[in-house]
Amino acid sequence: MAKIRDDCLELDITPRRYQEAEDDPFISTMFELLEHNKVIARDYSAALLESEYKMLISGIEALLAGNQDRIRLETIEPFFILRIDKENEYYRFIIRFVENYSNTTVYKLNCNEEKLEFFVKTLKSDLKDTKNPPKLSLGDKRCTKQ
C-alpha cells in the first residue's frame, strides 16, 4: 500500500488486481484518505488504467529529478483528481474528490522528498505485484452422449 502523509492527512493508493488481459488494462484500485487517522474517503471500486499508474510513477520520478514541477492525474471512476506540485524543498498533494459538478471536496497534503521517494518506490512495487485477472472457467468440456 503506497502511503503519503503529513501531520493531518494520509493518502493511500493500492493497485489490487488486473480486471482483464488487454494492452492497457484497468486495475482495480483502493483509494483511501484519512484525516487524523479517521477515514474521510474510501473507494474500493476505483479503476485506473495501467498506463495511468505508469504515468503517475514517471511523473513523480520526474518531479524528484527536477525535470518538472507539477503532475496531474485524473481518474474517471471515482472522479478523482490528484495534483502534485514542487514548492521549494517540499511537495504539495492537492486531492479532489468530485461527487458532482457542484460538490467537490479538496484536500491538501505536504511532504518532503524522502517521503515522496518512499511513496513512489512502494507504488512501483505494488504495481509490479498486482495480481493477474481471474481466469474464467469454461467447465468440463467432455461431451456426453444422450
Protein backbone atom coordinates (compact mmCIF):
# COMPACT_ATOMS: atom_id res chain seq x y z
CA MET A 1 0.00 0.00 0.00
CA ALA A 2 1.56 3.31 -1.11
CA LYS A 3 1.01 5.87 1.65
CA ILE A 4 1.87 9.53 1.87
CA ARG A 5 1.08 11.58 4.97
CA ASP A 6 1.65 14.82 6.81
CA ASP A 7 0.56 15.89 10.30
CA CYS A 8 -3.11 15.92 9.31
CA LEU A 9 -3.81 13.80 6.20
CA GLU A 10 -2.84 10.41 4.83
CA LEU A 11 -3.44 9.24 1.24
CA ASP A 12 -3.27 5.51 0.42
CA ILE A 13 -3.33 4.20 -3.16
CA THR A 14 -3.23 0.44 -3.67
CA PRO A 15 -3.39 -1.34 -7.04
CA ARG A 16 -5.14 -4.65 -6.34
CA ARG A 17 -5.97 -6.73 -9.40
CA TYR A 18 -5.95 -6.51 -13.19
CA GLN A 19 -9.51 -6.63 -14.48
CA GLU A 20 -8.72 -8.00 -17.91
CA ALA A 21 -5.79 -9.01 -20.07
CA GLU A 22 -5.68 -6.14 -22.57
CA ASP A 23 -2.94 -3.89 -23.95
CA ASP A 24 -3.79 -1.19 -21.37
CA PRO A 25 -5.87 -2.99 -18.76
CA PHE A 26 -7.87 -1.45 -15.95
CA ILE A 27 -6.56 -2.18 -12.48
CA SER A 28 -8.93 -2.36 -9.53
CA THR A 29 -7.63 0.13 -7.00
CA MET A 30 -8.29 1.15 -3.43
CA PHE A 31 -8.16 4.88 -2.64
CA GLU A 32 -8.30 5.94 0.97
CA LEU A 33 -7.95 9.38 2.53
CA LEU A 34 -7.65 9.76 6.29
CA GLU A 35 -7.76 12.88 8.43
CA HIS A 36 -6.23 12.49 11.90
CA ASN A 37 -6.36 8.68 11.39
CA LYS A 38 -10.10 8.77 10.64
CA VAL A 39 -11.27 7.67 7.18
CA ILE A 40 -12.89 10.55 5.30
CA ALA A 41 -12.92 8.97 1.83
CA ARG A 42 -12.58 5.36 0.74
CA ASP A 43 -13.30 3.74 -2.59
CA TYR A 44 -12.63 0.08 -3.38
CA SER A 45 -14.25 0.23 -6.81
CA ALA A 46 -11.82 2.67 -8.39
CA ALA A 47 -10.26 1.60 -11.68
CA LEU A 48 -7.12 3.09 -13.15
CA LEU A 49 -5.54 2.11 -16.43
CA GLU A 50 -2.11 0.54 -16.20
CA SER A 51 -0.85 3.49 -18.28
CA GLU A 52 -2.22 5.91 -15.65
CA TYR A 53 -0.21 4.17 -12.95
CA LYS A 54 2.90 4.31 -15.13
CA MET A 55 2.24 7.99 -15.89
CA LEU A 56 1.87 8.76 -12.16
CA ILE A 57 5.08 6.90 -11.32
CA SER A 58 7.12 8.50 -14.12
CA GLY A 59 5.67 11.93 -13.27
CA ILE A 60 6.71 11.61 -9.62
CA GLU A 61 10.16 10.43 -10.69
CA ALA A 62 10.43 13.48 -12.99
CA LEU A 63 9.43 15.73 -10.07
CA LEU A 64 12.09 14.16 -7.87
CA ALA A 65 14.71 14.53 -10.63
CA GLY A 66 13.81 18.21 -11.05
CA ASN A 67 12.65 17.75 -14.66
CA GLN A 68 9.18 19.15 -13.99
CA ASP A 69 7.43 20.99 -11.18
CA ARG A 70 3.87 19.62 -11.40
CA ILE A 71 1.98 16.46 -12.31
CA ARG A 72 -1.73 15.79 -12.55
CA LEU A 73 -3.73 12.56 -12.59
CA GLU A 74 -7.46 12.48 -13.25
CA THR A 75 -9.45 9.29 -12.87
CA ILE A 76 -12.90 8.53 -14.20
CA GLU A 77 -14.38 6.29 -11.52
CA PRO A 78 -14.43 7.77 -8.93
CA PHE A 79 -13.88 11.23 -10.37
CA PHE A 80 -10.69 11.89 -8.50
CA ILE A 81 -8.03 14.49 -9.32
CA LEU A 82 -4.54 14.28 -7.87
CA ARG A 83 -2.06 17.07 -8.45
CA ILE A 84 1.45 17.15 -7.03
CA ASP A 85 3.37 20.44 -7.09
CA LYS A 86 7.00 21.03 -6.16
CA GLU A 87 7.28 24.01 -3.82
CA ASN A 88 10.85 24.78 -2.75
CA GLU A 89 12.08 21.64 -0.94
CA TYR A 90 8.55 20.32 -0.31
CA TYR A 91 5.87 18.67 -2.40
CA ARG A 92 2.19 19.51 -2.13
CA PHE A 93 -0.51 16.96 -2.97
CA ILE A 94 -3.83 18.52 -3.92
CA ILE A 95 -6.53 15.86 -3.81
CA ARG A 96 -10.04 16.46 -5.18
CA PHE A 97 -12.97 14.11 -4.94
CA VAL A 98 -15.67 15.24 -7.35
CA GLU A 99 -19.09 13.90 -6.37
CA ASN A 100 -20.94 16.03 -8.93
CA TYR A 101 -20.42 19.36 -10.69
CA SER A 102 -21.48 21.37 -7.66
CA ASN A 103 -19.87 19.24 -4.95
CA THR A 104 -16.07 18.94 -4.96
CA THR A 105 -14.02 18.35 -1.84
CA VAL A 106 -10.38 19.49 -1.85
CA TYR A 107 -7.64 18.25 0.49
CA LYS A 108 -4.00 19.33 0.68
CA LEU A 109 -1.10 17.30 1.97
CA ASN A 110 2.56 18.32 2.19
CA CYS A 111 5.61 16.07 2.26
CA ASN A 112 9.36 16.16 1.85
CA GLU A 113 11.47 14.46 -0.81
CA GLU A 114 12.23 11.41 1.33
CA LYS A 115 8.53 10.64 1.87
CA LEU A 116 7.76 11.12 -1.83
CA GLU A 117 10.63 8.80 -2.81
CA PHE A 118 9.29 6.11 -0.48
CA PHE A 119 5.74 6.61 -1.83
CA VAL A 120 6.79 6.16 -5.47
CA LYS A 121 9.04 3.20 -4.61
CA THR A 122 6.13 1.48 -2.84
CA LEU A 123 3.72 2.31 -5.69
CA LYS A 124 6.12 0.78 -8.24
CA SER A 125 6.46 -2.36 -6.14
CA ASP A 126 2.69 -2.61 -5.62
CA LEU A 127 2.08 -2.25 -9.36
CA LYS A 128 4.66 -4.93 -10.14
CA ASP A 129 2.99 -7.28 -7.64
CA THR A 130 -0.58 -6.63 -8.84
CA LYS A 131 -2.50 -9.86 -9.33
CA ASN A 132 -3.49 -11.06 -12.77
CA PRO A 133 -7.17 -11.14 -13.75
CA PRO A 134 -9.11 -14.18 -12.61
CA LYS A 135 -9.44 -16.89 -15.26
CA LEU A 136 -12.89 -17.81 -16.47
CA SER A 137 -13.66 -21.47 -16.07
CA LEU A 138 -15.50 -22.96 -19.00
CA GLY A 139 -16.35 -26.07 -17.03
CA ASP A 140 -15.97 -29.65 -18.15
CA LYS A 141 -15.58 -29.81 -21.93
CA ARG A 142 -16.16 -33.56 -22.26
CA CYS A 143 -19.12 -34.47 -24.39
CA THR A 144 -21.62 -36.97 -23.15
CA LYS A 145 -23.88 -38.86 -25.50
CA GLN A 146 -27.57 -38.71 -24.68
